[in-house]
């Protein structure tokens, strides 16, 4: 199991990074990214601190943990510069808060995030076929979400991805211990969204490959 979308106390999560890593290690997680919500006000504050915890704690518990970021509710016009800044300050994985049906995300966020080259477009809602095709072209992973509200459009995301050949990843978007995946719950979210077992395994492999590319230990 690998989960690349988790929140800590550095945004609106309930736990510090060390406890997140420990709890997920116990249920068999092999890799994770802590991806707290960010805009220009806190990007430089969050990433270095979370990265230190991931680096120093993860190795003791046998989990590859990295500091990512979730760029959240930022104007589409700012997305390119923010993705570049996130990488510059050390974010190993850049997630963008997509156009979920559960929140008033600015129209155009999906397209701008894909064009900016984020790693994962989280809960992209009723993503258009054109944007899904662009994600496939640019290698941006589309997220199948375990989060309440965001998960409503999972079936649509999977259908669009299959239609255009975009790659998927299954993430919890956990904010509390009750949200954490275990291997079975991660699989269930994928199957419930219309994925086959083979497609679920491919999505997990997509996450593993992305994590392997990072510099996190």
N, C-alpha and C. Protein backbone atom coordinates (compact mmCIF):
# COMPACT_ATOMS: atom_id res chain seq x y z
N UNK A 1 0.83 -1.20 0.00
CA UNK A 1 0.00 0.00 0.00
C UNK A 1 0.87 1.25 0.00
N UNK A 2 0.52 2.18 -0.85
CA UNK A 2 1.19 3.48 -0.92
C UNK A 2 0.11 4.55 -1.00
N UNK A 3 0.27 5.61 -0.21
CA UNK A 3 -0.72 6.69 -0.16
C UNK A 3 0.00 8.02 -0.29
N UNK A 4 -0.30 8.75 -1.35
CA UNK A 4 0.43 9.98 -1.65
C UNK A 4 -0.39 11.24 -1.43
N UNK A 5 -1.37 11.18 -0.53
CA UNK A 5 -2.19 12.37 -0.24
C UNK A 5 -2.70 12.27 1.20
N UNK A 6 -1.95 12.87 2.12
CA UNK A 6 -2.27 12.80 3.54
C UNK A 6 -1.99 14.17 4.17
N UNK A 7 -2.82 14.56 5.13
CA UNK A 7 -2.67 15.86 5.79
C UNK A 7 -2.29 15.71 7.26
N UNK A 8 -1.43 16.62 7.71
CA UNK A 8 -0.97 16.64 9.10
C UNK A 8 -1.44 17.92 9.79
N UNK A 9 -0.94 18.15 11.00
CA UNK A 9 -1.28 19.37 11.74
C UNK A 9 -0.72 20.62 11.07
N UNK A 10 0.15 20.44 10.07
CA UNK A 10 0.66 21.61 9.36
C UNK A 10 -0.38 22.23 8.43
N UNK A 11 -1.54 21.56 8.26
CA UNK A 11 -2.70 22.23 7.65
C UNK A 11 -3.91 21.86 8.48
N UNK A 12 -4.82 21.03 7.94
CA UNK A 12 -6.05 20.73 8.67
C UNK A 12 -6.14 19.28 9.11
N UNK A 13 -5.02 18.59 9.19
CA UNK A 13 -5.01 17.24 9.71
C UNK A 13 -4.93 17.22 11.23
N UNK A 14 -5.11 16.05 11.81
CA UNK A 14 -5.16 15.92 13.26
C UNK A 14 -3.85 15.48 13.90
N UNK A 15 -2.94 14.89 13.10
CA UNK A 15 -1.75 14.27 13.68
C UNK A 15 -0.47 14.91 13.18
N UNK A 16 0.58 14.81 14.02
CA UNK A 16 1.90 15.24 13.58
C UNK A 16 2.47 14.19 12.62
N UNK A 17 3.45 14.57 11.79
CA UNK A 17 3.98 13.62 10.81
C UNK A 17 4.45 12.29 11.39
N UNK A 18 5.12 12.32 12.53
CA UNK A 18 5.63 11.07 13.10
C UNK A 18 4.52 10.08 13.39
N UNK A 19 3.41 10.56 13.92
CA UNK A 19 2.31 9.64 14.23
C UNK A 19 1.65 9.11 12.96
N UNK A 20 1.55 9.95 11.96
CA UNK A 20 1.03 9.47 10.67
C UNK A 20 1.89 8.33 10.16
N UNK A 21 3.18 8.54 10.15
CA UNK A 21 4.10 7.52 9.64
C UNK A 21 3.98 6.23 10.44
N UNK A 22 3.96 6.35 11.76
CA UNK A 22 3.89 5.16 12.61
C UNK A 22 2.60 4.39 12.40
N UNK A 23 1.47 5.10 12.41
CA UNK A 23 0.18 4.43 12.26
C UNK A 23 0.09 3.70 10.91
N UNK A 24 0.59 4.32 9.86
CA UNK A 24 0.50 3.69 8.55
C UNK A 24 1.51 2.54 8.42
N UNK A 25 2.65 2.65 9.06
CA UNK A 25 3.60 1.54 9.05
C UNK A 25 2.98 0.29 9.66
N UNK A 26 2.22 0.47 10.72
CA UNK A 26 1.61 -0.66 11.42
C UNK A 26 0.61 -1.41 10.54
N UNK A 27 -0.08 -0.71 9.64
CA UNK A 27 -1.08 -1.38 8.80
C UNK A 27 -0.50 -1.84 7.46
N UNK A 28 0.80 -1.71 7.29
CA UNK A 28 1.43 -2.26 6.10
C UNK A 28 1.73 -1.29 4.98
N UNK A 29 1.68 0.00 5.28
CA UNK A 29 2.02 0.99 4.25
C UNK A 29 3.52 0.99 3.99
N UNK A 30 3.90 0.99 2.73
CA UNK A 30 5.31 0.98 2.36
C UNK A 30 5.83 2.35 1.93
N UNK A 31 4.93 3.26 1.61
CA UNK A 31 5.35 4.57 1.18
C UNK A 31 4.23 5.57 1.29
N UNK A 32 4.56 6.82 1.62
CA UNK A 32 3.53 7.84 1.77
C UNK A 32 4.10 9.22 1.51
N UNK A 33 3.19 10.13 1.19
CA UNK A 33 3.54 11.55 1.08
C UNK A 33 2.60 12.34 1.97
N UNK A 34 3.16 13.21 2.77
CA UNK A 34 2.36 14.14 3.57
C UNK A 34 2.24 15.41 2.74
N UNK A 35 1.01 15.74 2.40
CA UNK A 35 0.74 16.79 1.39
C UNK A 35 -0.23 17.82 1.96
N UNK A 36 0.28 18.67 2.81
CA UNK A 36 -0.59 19.65 3.45
C UNK A 36 -1.01 20.76 2.49
N UNK A 37 -2.16 21.36 2.80
CA UNK A 37 -2.71 22.43 1.97
C UNK A 37 -1.79 23.65 1.98
N UNK A 38 -1.60 24.26 0.81
CA UNK A 38 -0.71 25.41 0.75
C UNK A 38 -1.15 26.43 -0.28
N UNK A 39 -0.79 27.66 0.01
CA UNK A 39 -0.91 28.78 -0.92
C UNK A 39 0.36 29.61 -0.72
N UNK A 40 0.47 30.82 -1.28
CA UNK A 40 1.72 31.57 -1.13
C UNK A 40 2.08 31.91 0.32
N UNK A 41 1.11 31.85 1.23
CA UNK A 41 1.37 32.26 2.61
C UNK A 41 2.17 31.25 3.42
N UNK A 42 2.06 29.96 3.07
CA UNK A 42 2.65 28.95 3.97
C UNK A 42 3.51 27.91 3.27
N UNK A 43 3.67 28.01 1.98
CA UNK A 43 4.39 26.98 1.23
C UNK A 43 5.81 26.78 1.75
N UNK A 44 6.53 27.86 1.96
CA UNK A 44 7.92 27.77 2.40
C UNK A 44 8.03 27.34 3.86
N UNK A 45 6.97 27.54 4.63
CA UNK A 45 6.97 27.14 6.04
C UNK A 45 6.78 25.64 6.19
N UNK A 46 5.85 25.08 5.44
CA UNK A 46 5.45 23.69 5.63
C UNK A 46 6.50 22.70 5.14
N UNK A 47 6.92 22.85 3.92
CA UNK A 47 7.68 21.77 3.26
C UNK A 47 8.96 21.39 4.00
N UNK A 48 9.83 22.34 4.38
CA UNK A 48 11.07 21.93 5.03
C UNK A 48 10.85 21.21 6.36
N UNK A 49 9.85 21.61 7.11
CA UNK A 49 9.59 21.00 8.42
C UNK A 49 9.04 19.58 8.27
N UNK A 50 8.11 19.41 7.37
CA UNK A 50 7.57 18.07 7.14
C UNK A 50 8.64 17.17 6.54
N UNK A 51 9.46 17.72 5.66
CA UNK A 51 10.53 16.92 5.05
C UNK A 51 11.49 16.39 6.10
N UNK A 52 11.80 17.20 7.10
CA UNK A 52 12.71 16.74 8.15
C UNK A 52 12.12 15.57 8.92
N UNK A 53 10.85 15.69 9.28
CA UNK A 53 10.20 14.60 10.01
C UNK A 53 10.15 13.33 9.17
N UNK A 54 9.79 13.47 7.91
CA UNK A 54 9.71 12.30 7.03
C UNK A 54 11.06 11.61 6.91
N UNK A 55 12.09 12.39 6.76
CA UNK A 55 13.44 11.85 6.58
C UNK A 55 13.93 11.15 7.84
N UNK A 56 13.73 11.76 8.99
CA UNK A 56 14.30 11.25 10.23
C UNK A 56 13.46 10.14 10.86
N UNK A 57 12.15 10.18 10.67
CA UNK A 57 11.27 9.20 11.29
C UNK A 57 11.02 8.00 10.38
N UNK A 58 10.82 8.26 9.10
CA UNK A 58 10.44 7.19 8.18
C UNK A 58 11.41 6.03 8.16
N UNK A 59 12.70 6.31 8.20
CA UNK A 59 13.68 5.23 8.11
C UNK A 59 13.61 4.29 9.32
N UNK A 60 13.22 4.80 10.47
CA UNK A 60 13.12 3.97 11.67
C UNK A 60 11.94 3.02 11.60
N UNK A 61 10.91 3.40 10.89
CA UNK A 61 9.70 2.58 10.83
C UNK A 61 9.57 1.81 9.52
N UNK A 62 10.59 1.87 8.69
CA UNK A 62 10.58 1.09 7.46
C UNK A 62 9.63 1.60 6.40
N UNK A 63 9.34 2.89 6.40
CA UNK A 63 8.43 3.50 5.44
C UNK A 63 9.17 4.59 4.68
N UNK A 64 9.04 4.61 3.36
CA UNK A 64 9.55 5.74 2.61
C UNK A 64 8.52 6.85 2.69
N UNK A 65 8.84 7.88 3.47
CA UNK A 65 7.92 9.00 3.67
C UNK A 65 8.56 10.26 3.10
N UNK A 66 7.79 11.02 2.35
CA UNK A 66 8.31 12.24 1.74
C UNK A 66 7.36 13.39 2.00
N UNK A 67 7.91 14.58 1.94
CA UNK A 67 7.11 15.79 2.06
C UNK A 67 6.65 16.23 0.68
N UNK A 68 5.36 16.20 0.48
CA UNK A 68 4.78 16.78 -0.72
C UNK A 68 4.04 18.05 -0.32
N UNK A 69 3.14 18.46 -1.16
CA UNK A 69 2.30 19.63 -0.87
C UNK A 69 1.03 19.50 -1.70
N UNK A 70 -0.07 20.05 -1.19
CA UNK A 70 -1.29 20.15 -1.99
C UNK A 70 -1.62 21.62 -2.18
N UNK A 71 -1.39 22.11 -3.36
CA UNK A 71 -1.73 23.50 -3.70
C UNK A 71 -3.25 23.59 -3.78
N UNK A 72 -3.83 24.42 -2.92
CA UNK A 72 -5.27 24.35 -2.68
C UNK A 72 -5.96 25.70 -2.87
N UNK A 73 -6.97 25.74 -3.73
CA UNK A 73 -7.78 26.93 -3.97
C UNK A 73 -6.94 28.14 -4.39
N UNK A 74 -5.89 27.89 -5.12
CA UNK A 74 -5.11 28.99 -5.68
C UNK A 74 -5.65 29.35 -7.06
N UNK A 75 -5.55 30.59 -7.48
CA UNK A 75 -6.04 30.97 -8.80
C UNK A 75 -5.32 30.19 -9.90
N UNK A 76 -6.04 29.75 -10.91
CA UNK A 76 -5.40 29.01 -12.01
C UNK A 76 -4.22 29.76 -12.63
N UNK A 77 -4.32 31.10 -12.67
CA UNK A 77 -3.26 31.90 -13.28
C UNK A 77 -1.93 31.81 -12.52
N UNK A 78 -2.01 31.40 -11.25
CA UNK A 78 -0.81 31.31 -10.41
C UNK A 78 -0.21 29.90 -10.40
N UNK A 79 -0.89 28.96 -11.02
CA UNK A 79 -0.51 27.56 -10.81
C UNK A 79 0.89 27.23 -11.30
N UNK A 80 1.26 27.72 -12.45
CA UNK A 80 2.58 27.39 -12.98
C UNK A 80 3.68 27.86 -12.03
N UNK A 81 3.58 29.10 -11.56
CA UNK A 81 4.62 29.62 -10.67
C UNK A 81 4.62 28.90 -9.33
N UNK A 82 3.44 28.52 -8.84
CA UNK A 82 3.37 27.84 -7.54
C UNK A 82 3.92 26.41 -7.62
N UNK A 83 3.65 25.72 -8.72
CA UNK A 83 4.22 24.37 -8.88
C UNK A 83 5.75 24.46 -8.90
N UNK A 84 6.29 25.42 -9.61
CA UNK A 84 7.74 25.60 -9.67
C UNK A 84 8.30 25.95 -8.29
N UNK A 85 7.61 26.82 -7.57
CA UNK A 85 8.07 27.22 -6.25
C UNK A 85 8.02 26.04 -5.28
N UNK A 86 6.96 25.23 -5.37
CA UNK A 86 6.85 24.06 -4.50
C UNK A 86 8.04 23.13 -4.69
N UNK A 87 8.42 22.91 -5.92
CA UNK A 87 9.58 22.04 -6.18
C UNK A 87 10.86 22.70 -5.69
N UNK A 88 10.94 24.00 -5.85
CA UNK A 88 12.15 24.72 -5.44
C UNK A 88 12.36 24.66 -3.93
N UNK A 89 11.30 24.69 -3.15
CA UNK A 89 11.45 24.65 -1.69
C UNK A 89 11.53 23.22 -1.16
N UNK A 90 11.46 22.22 -2.06
CA UNK A 90 11.72 20.86 -1.63
C UNK A 90 10.56 19.89 -1.63
N UNK A 91 9.42 20.27 -2.19
CA UNK A 91 8.30 19.33 -2.25
C UNK A 91 8.64 18.18 -3.19
N UNK A 92 8.63 16.97 -2.66
CA UNK A 92 8.98 15.80 -3.46
C UNK A 92 7.86 15.42 -4.43
N UNK A 93 6.63 15.67 -4.02
CA UNK A 93 5.46 15.37 -4.85
C UNK A 93 4.52 16.57 -4.78
N UNK A 94 4.15 17.09 -5.92
CA UNK A 94 3.24 18.24 -5.98
C UNK A 94 1.85 17.77 -6.39
N UNK A 95 0.94 17.90 -5.46
CA UNK A 95 -0.47 17.59 -5.68
C UNK A 95 -1.20 18.92 -5.83
N UNK A 96 -2.19 18.96 -6.69
CA UNK A 96 -3.05 20.14 -6.78
C UNK A 96 -4.49 19.73 -6.48
N UNK A 97 -5.15 20.54 -5.69
CA UNK A 97 -6.54 20.36 -5.30
C UNK A 97 -7.42 20.65 -6.52
N UNK A 98 -7.88 19.58 -7.14
CA UNK A 98 -8.63 19.73 -8.38
C UNK A 98 -10.06 20.21 -8.19
N UNK A 99 -10.80 20.23 -9.30
CA UNK A 99 -12.14 20.81 -9.32
C UNK A 99 -13.20 19.84 -8.78
N UNK A 100 -13.02 19.46 -7.52
CA UNK A 100 -13.96 18.58 -6.85
C UNK A 100 -15.39 19.13 -6.90
N UNK A 101 -16.35 18.22 -6.93
CA UNK A 101 -17.75 18.63 -6.89
C UNK A 101 -18.17 19.09 -5.50
N UNK A 102 -17.31 18.89 -4.50
CA UNK A 102 -17.67 19.18 -3.11
C UNK A 102 -17.28 20.58 -2.65
N UNK A 103 -16.51 21.31 -3.45
CA UNK A 103 -16.04 22.63 -3.05
C UNK A 103 -16.02 23.57 -4.26
N UNK A 104 -16.06 24.89 -4.01
CA UNK A 104 -16.08 25.85 -5.12
C UNK A 104 -14.69 26.17 -5.65
N UNK A 105 -14.03 25.18 -6.21
CA UNK A 105 -12.70 25.38 -6.80
C UNK A 105 -12.85 26.18 -8.09
N UNK A 106 -11.93 27.08 -8.31
CA UNK A 106 -12.00 27.96 -9.49
C UNK A 106 -11.99 27.16 -10.78
N UNK A 107 -12.90 27.50 -11.67
CA UNK A 107 -12.94 26.87 -12.98
C UNK A 107 -11.62 27.10 -13.71
N UNK A 108 -11.12 26.08 -14.33
CA UNK A 108 -9.84 26.17 -15.02
C UNK A 108 -8.68 25.63 -14.22
N UNK A 109 -8.93 25.28 -12.95
CA UNK A 109 -7.86 24.75 -12.10
C UNK A 109 -7.32 23.43 -12.63
N UNK A 110 -8.20 22.54 -13.08
CA UNK A 110 -7.73 21.26 -13.61
C UNK A 110 -6.76 21.47 -14.76
N UNK A 111 -7.18 22.26 -15.74
CA UNK A 111 -6.35 22.48 -16.92
C UNK A 111 -5.03 23.17 -16.55
N UNK A 112 -5.10 24.21 -15.73
CA UNK A 112 -3.89 24.95 -15.37
C UNK A 112 -2.90 24.08 -14.61
N UNK A 113 -3.41 23.20 -13.76
CA UNK A 113 -2.55 22.33 -12.96
C UNK A 113 -1.84 21.30 -13.82
N UNK A 114 -2.58 20.74 -14.77
CA UNK A 114 -1.98 19.77 -15.69
C UNK A 114 -0.92 20.45 -16.55
N UNK A 115 -1.25 21.62 -17.08
CA UNK A 115 -0.30 22.36 -17.91
C UNK A 115 0.95 22.74 -17.12
N UNK A 116 0.77 22.98 -15.81
CA UNK A 116 1.90 23.35 -14.96
C UNK A 116 2.79 22.17 -14.61
N UNK A 117 2.32 20.96 -14.89
CA UNK A 117 3.14 19.79 -14.65
C UNK A 117 3.14 19.28 -13.22
N UNK A 118 2.00 19.41 -12.53
CA UNK A 118 1.91 18.81 -11.20
C UNK A 118 2.05 17.29 -11.33
N UNK A 119 2.29 16.63 -10.22
CA UNK A 119 2.42 15.17 -10.25
C UNK A 119 1.07 14.47 -10.18
N UNK A 120 0.20 14.99 -9.32
CA UNK A 120 -1.11 14.38 -9.10
C UNK A 120 -2.18 15.47 -9.10
N UNK A 121 -3.23 15.27 -9.88
CA UNK A 121 -4.39 16.15 -9.82
C UNK A 121 -5.41 15.46 -8.91
N UNK A 122 -5.56 15.99 -7.72
CA UNK A 122 -6.42 15.36 -6.72
C UNK A 122 -7.89 15.60 -7.04
N UNK A 123 -8.69 14.58 -6.75
CA UNK A 123 -10.15 14.67 -6.89
C UNK A 123 -10.58 15.69 -7.95
N UNK A 124 -10.34 15.38 -9.23
CA UNK A 124 -10.60 16.36 -10.29
C UNK A 124 -12.05 16.49 -10.70
N UNK A 125 -12.97 15.91 -9.92
CA UNK A 125 -14.39 16.13 -10.16
C UNK A 125 -14.85 15.65 -11.53
N UNK A 126 -15.68 16.45 -12.17
CA UNK A 126 -16.21 16.09 -13.49
C UNK A 126 -15.24 16.56 -14.57
N UNK A 127 -14.04 16.05 -14.50
CA UNK A 127 -12.98 16.45 -15.43
C UNK A 127 -13.43 16.19 -16.87
N UNK A 128 -13.08 17.12 -17.73
CA UNK A 128 -13.46 16.98 -19.14
C UNK A 128 -12.59 15.94 -19.83
N UNK A 129 -13.08 15.42 -20.93
CA UNK A 129 -12.29 14.47 -21.71
C UNK A 129 -11.01 15.13 -22.21
N UNK A 130 -11.10 16.40 -22.59
CA UNK A 130 -9.93 17.11 -23.10
C UNK A 130 -8.85 17.25 -22.03
N UNK A 131 -9.27 17.58 -20.81
CA UNK A 131 -8.29 17.72 -19.74
C UNK A 131 -7.71 16.37 -19.33
N UNK A 132 -8.54 15.34 -19.33
CA UNK A 132 -8.05 14.00 -19.02
C UNK A 132 -7.02 13.56 -20.06
N UNK A 133 -7.30 13.87 -21.32
CA UNK A 133 -6.36 13.52 -22.39
C UNK A 133 -5.05 14.28 -22.23
N UNK A 134 -5.12 15.53 -21.80
CA UNK A 134 -3.91 16.31 -21.57
C UNK A 134 -3.10 15.71 -20.42
N UNK A 135 -3.81 15.24 -19.38
CA UNK A 135 -3.13 14.58 -18.26
C UNK A 135 -2.40 13.34 -18.74
N UNK A 136 -3.04 12.58 -19.62
CA UNK A 136 -2.40 11.39 -20.18
C UNK A 136 -1.14 11.77 -20.95
N UNK A 137 -1.24 12.84 -21.73
CA UNK A 137 -0.10 13.29 -22.55
C UNK A 137 1.06 13.74 -21.68
N UNK A 138 0.76 14.43 -20.59
CA UNK A 138 1.80 15.02 -19.75
C UNK A 138 2.23 14.12 -18.59
N UNK A 139 1.59 12.98 -18.43
CA UNK A 139 1.97 12.07 -17.37
C UNK A 139 1.52 12.49 -15.99
N UNK A 140 0.47 13.28 -15.93
CA UNK A 140 -0.10 13.68 -14.64
C UNK A 140 -1.08 12.61 -14.17
N UNK A 141 -0.93 12.13 -12.94
CA UNK A 141 -1.81 11.11 -12.40
C UNK A 141 -3.12 11.73 -11.93
N UNK A 142 -4.24 11.11 -12.30
CA UNK A 142 -5.55 11.54 -11.84
C UNK A 142 -5.92 10.72 -10.61
N UNK A 143 -6.43 11.39 -9.61
CA UNK A 143 -6.68 10.73 -8.33
C UNK A 143 -8.09 10.17 -8.20
N UNK A 144 -8.16 8.94 -7.73
CA UNK A 144 -9.38 8.33 -7.23
C UNK A 144 -9.32 8.50 -5.72
N UNK A 145 -10.30 9.21 -5.17
CA UNK A 145 -10.20 9.70 -3.79
C UNK A 145 -11.00 8.88 -2.79
N UNK A 146 -10.41 8.67 -1.63
CA UNK A 146 -11.11 8.04 -0.54
C UNK A 146 -11.84 9.03 0.36
N UNK A 147 -11.76 10.32 0.02
CA UNK A 147 -12.30 11.37 0.90
C UNK A 147 -13.79 11.59 0.66
N UNK A 148 -14.53 11.69 1.77
CA UNK A 148 -15.96 11.99 1.71
C UNK A 148 -16.21 13.26 0.90
N UNK A 149 -17.21 13.24 0.05
CA UNK A 149 -17.52 14.39 -0.80
C UNK A 149 -16.74 14.33 -2.10
N UNK A 150 -15.42 14.33 -2.00
CA UNK A 150 -14.60 14.27 -3.20
C UNK A 150 -14.82 12.98 -3.98
N UNK A 151 -15.13 11.90 -3.25
CA UNK A 151 -15.24 10.59 -3.89
C UNK A 151 -16.49 10.44 -4.76
N UNK A 152 -17.42 11.38 -4.68
CA UNK A 152 -18.66 11.29 -5.44
C UNK A 152 -18.39 11.14 -6.94
N UNK A 153 -17.36 11.81 -7.41
CA UNK A 153 -17.07 11.80 -8.86
C UNK A 153 -16.04 10.76 -9.26
N UNK A 154 -15.68 9.85 -8.37
CA UNK A 154 -14.65 8.85 -8.70
C UNK A 154 -14.99 8.05 -9.96
N UNK A 155 -16.24 7.66 -10.08
CA UNK A 155 -16.63 6.86 -11.24
C UNK A 155 -16.40 7.60 -12.54
N UNK A 156 -16.70 8.89 -12.54
CA UNK A 156 -16.48 9.70 -13.74
C UNK A 156 -14.99 9.82 -14.04
N UNK A 157 -14.19 10.04 -13.01
CA UNK A 157 -12.75 10.17 -13.21
C UNK A 157 -12.18 8.89 -13.82
N UNK A 158 -12.59 7.75 -13.28
CA UNK A 158 -12.11 6.47 -13.81
C UNK A 158 -12.55 6.28 -15.26
N UNK A 159 -13.81 6.61 -15.56
CA UNK A 159 -14.31 6.45 -16.92
C UNK A 159 -13.54 7.32 -17.90
N UNK A 160 -13.27 8.57 -17.52
CA UNK A 160 -12.51 9.46 -18.40
C UNK A 160 -11.08 8.95 -18.59
N UNK A 161 -10.48 8.49 -17.51
CA UNK A 161 -9.11 7.99 -17.60
C UNK A 161 -9.02 6.79 -18.53
N UNK A 162 -9.98 5.88 -18.41
CA UNK A 162 -9.99 4.71 -19.28
C UNK A 162 -10.19 5.11 -20.74
N UNK A 163 -11.02 6.09 -20.97
CA UNK A 163 -11.34 6.50 -22.33
C UNK A 163 -10.13 7.07 -23.05
N UNK A 164 -9.30 7.83 -22.32
CA UNK A 164 -8.20 8.54 -22.99
C UNK A 164 -6.82 7.97 -22.64
N UNK A 165 -6.78 6.96 -21.77
CA UNK A 165 -5.51 6.36 -21.42
C UNK A 165 -4.71 7.10 -20.37
N UNK A 166 -5.40 7.88 -19.51
CA UNK A 166 -4.71 8.57 -18.42
C UNK A 166 -4.42 7.59 -17.28
N UNK A 167 -3.38 7.87 -16.54
CA UNK A 167 -3.00 7.01 -15.42
C UNK A 167 -3.66 7.48 -14.14
N UNK A 168 -3.97 6.51 -13.28
CA UNK A 168 -4.69 6.78 -12.04
C UNK A 168 -3.83 6.46 -10.82
N UNK A 169 -4.21 7.06 -9.71
CA UNK A 169 -3.64 6.74 -8.41
C UNK A 169 -4.79 6.77 -7.40
N UNK A 170 -4.73 5.92 -6.40
CA UNK A 170 -5.78 5.85 -5.38
C UNK A 170 -5.21 6.37 -4.06
N UNK A 171 -5.72 7.50 -3.60
CA UNK A 171 -5.23 8.13 -2.36
C UNK A 171 -6.35 8.33 -1.37
N UNK A 172 -5.98 8.39 -0.09
CA UNK A 172 -7.00 8.53 0.96
C UNK A 172 -7.44 9.97 1.17
N UNK A 173 -6.53 10.94 0.96
CA UNK A 173 -6.78 12.33 1.36
C UNK A 173 -7.13 12.35 2.84
N UNK A 174 -6.38 11.59 3.64
CA UNK A 174 -6.68 11.44 5.06
C UNK A 174 -6.38 12.71 5.84
N UNK A 175 -7.30 13.03 6.76
CA UNK A 175 -7.12 14.14 7.68
C UNK A 175 -7.09 13.67 9.14
N UNK A 176 -7.54 12.45 9.39
CA UNK A 176 -7.58 11.90 10.75
C UNK A 176 -7.31 10.40 10.68
N UNK A 177 -7.04 9.77 11.83
CA UNK A 177 -6.80 8.33 11.83
C UNK A 177 -7.95 7.52 11.23
N UNK A 178 -9.16 8.01 11.37
CA UNK A 178 -10.31 7.29 10.83
C UNK A 178 -10.30 7.26 9.30
N UNK A 179 -9.55 8.16 8.69
CA UNK A 179 -9.49 8.25 7.23
C UNK A 179 -8.42 7.36 6.61
N UNK A 180 -7.50 6.87 7.41
CA UNK A 180 -6.35 6.17 6.85
C UNK A 180 -6.77 4.91 6.11
N UNK A 181 -6.11 4.68 4.99
CA UNK A 181 -6.27 3.43 4.27
C UNK A 181 -5.56 2.29 5.00
N UNK A 182 -6.05 1.08 4.75
CA UNK A 182 -5.25 -0.12 4.88
C UNK A 182 -5.29 -0.77 3.50
N UNK A 183 -4.55 -1.83 3.26
CA UNK A 183 -4.54 -2.39 1.90
C UNK A 183 -5.92 -2.75 1.36
N UNK A 184 -6.78 -3.25 2.21
CA UNK A 184 -8.11 -3.64 1.74
C UNK A 184 -9.00 -2.44 1.45
N UNK A 185 -8.95 -1.43 2.29
CA UNK A 185 -9.81 -0.26 2.05
C UNK A 185 -9.36 0.50 0.82
N UNK A 186 -8.07 0.55 0.56
CA UNK A 186 -7.60 1.19 -0.67
C UNK A 186 -8.12 0.45 -1.90
N UNK A 187 -8.07 -0.86 -1.84
CA UNK A 187 -8.58 -1.67 -2.94
C UNK A 187 -10.08 -1.46 -3.12
N UNK A 188 -10.82 -1.39 -2.02
CA UNK A 188 -12.26 -1.21 -2.09
C UNK A 188 -12.65 0.10 -2.76
N UNK A 189 -11.92 1.17 -2.47
CA UNK A 189 -12.20 2.47 -3.10
C UNK A 189 -12.04 2.36 -4.62
N UNK A 190 -11.00 1.69 -5.05
CA UNK A 190 -10.79 1.52 -6.49
C UNK A 190 -11.86 0.67 -7.14
N UNK A 191 -12.19 -0.46 -6.53
CA UNK A 191 -13.22 -1.33 -7.09
C UNK A 191 -14.57 -0.61 -7.11
N UNK A 192 -14.85 0.15 -6.07
CA UNK A 192 -16.11 0.88 -6.00
C UNK A 192 -16.24 1.96 -7.05
N UNK A 193 -15.10 2.41 -7.56
CA UNK A 193 -15.10 3.44 -8.61
C UNK A 193 -15.17 2.84 -10.00
N UNK A 194 -15.24 1.51 -10.07
CA UNK A 194 -15.35 0.87 -11.38
C UNK A 194 -14.05 0.33 -11.94
N UNK A 195 -13.02 0.26 -11.10
CA UNK A 195 -11.75 -0.30 -11.55
C UNK A 195 -11.75 -1.81 -11.35
N UNK A 196 -11.02 -2.51 -12.18
CA UNK A 196 -10.80 -3.94 -11.98
C UNK A 196 -9.67 -4.12 -10.98
N UNK A 197 -9.50 -5.34 -10.50
CA UNK A 197 -8.39 -5.60 -9.58
C UNK A 197 -7.05 -5.30 -10.25
N UNK A 198 -6.94 -5.63 -11.52
CA UNK A 198 -5.71 -5.34 -12.25
C UNK A 198 -5.47 -3.83 -12.33
N UNK A 199 -6.52 -3.07 -12.55
CA UNK A 199 -6.38 -1.61 -12.63
C UNK A 199 -6.04 -1.02 -11.27
N UNK A 200 -6.59 -1.59 -10.21
CA UNK A 200 -6.22 -1.15 -8.87
C UNK A 200 -4.73 -1.38 -8.64
N UNK A 201 -4.26 -2.55 -8.98
CA UNK A 201 -2.84 -2.86 -8.81
C UNK A 201 -1.96 -1.93 -9.65
N UNK A 202 -2.43 -1.60 -10.85
CA UNK A 202 -1.68 -0.67 -11.70
C UNK A 202 -1.61 0.72 -11.07
N UNK A 203 -2.72 1.17 -10.47
CA UNK A 203 -2.74 2.47 -9.80
C UNK A 203 -1.76 2.51 -8.63
N UNK A 204 -1.70 1.42 -7.88
CA UNK A 204 -0.75 1.36 -6.77
C UNK A 204 0.68 1.36 -7.30
N UNK A 205 0.90 0.67 -8.40
CA UNK A 205 2.22 0.67 -9.03
C UNK A 205 2.57 2.06 -9.55
N UNK A 206 1.59 2.80 -10.06
CA UNK A 206 1.84 4.18 -10.49
C UNK A 206 2.35 5.02 -9.33
N UNK A 207 1.73 4.84 -8.16
CA UNK A 207 2.17 5.57 -6.96
C UNK A 207 3.59 5.16 -6.57
N UNK A 208 3.87 3.87 -6.64
CA UNK A 208 5.20 3.39 -6.27
C UNK A 208 6.27 3.99 -7.19
N UNK A 209 5.99 4.02 -8.49
CA UNK A 209 6.95 4.57 -9.44
C UNK A 209 7.19 6.05 -9.20
N UNK A 210 6.13 6.80 -8.91
CA UNK A 210 6.28 8.22 -8.64
C UNK A 210 7.11 8.42 -7.38
N UNK A 211 6.84 7.64 -6.35
CA UNK A 211 7.58 7.76 -5.10
C UNK A 211 9.05 7.42 -5.31
N UNK A 212 9.33 6.44 -6.13
CA UNK A 212 10.71 6.03 -6.39
C UNK A 212 11.52 7.14 -7.06
N UNK A 213 10.84 8.01 -7.79
CA UNK A 213 11.53 9.09 -8.49
C UNK A 213 11.95 10.23 -7.56
N UNK A 214 11.39 10.27 -6.36
CA UNK A 214 11.66 11.37 -5.46
C UNK A 214 13.01 11.20 -4.78
N UNK A 215 13.47 12.26 -4.17
CA UNK A 215 14.73 12.23 -3.44
C UNK A 215 14.54 11.90 -1.98
N UNK A 216 13.27 11.72 -1.56
CA UNK A 216 13.01 11.40 -0.15
C UNK A 216 13.54 10.03 0.20
N UNK A 217 13.92 9.87 1.44
CA UNK A 217 14.44 8.57 1.89
C UNK A 217 13.40 7.87 2.75
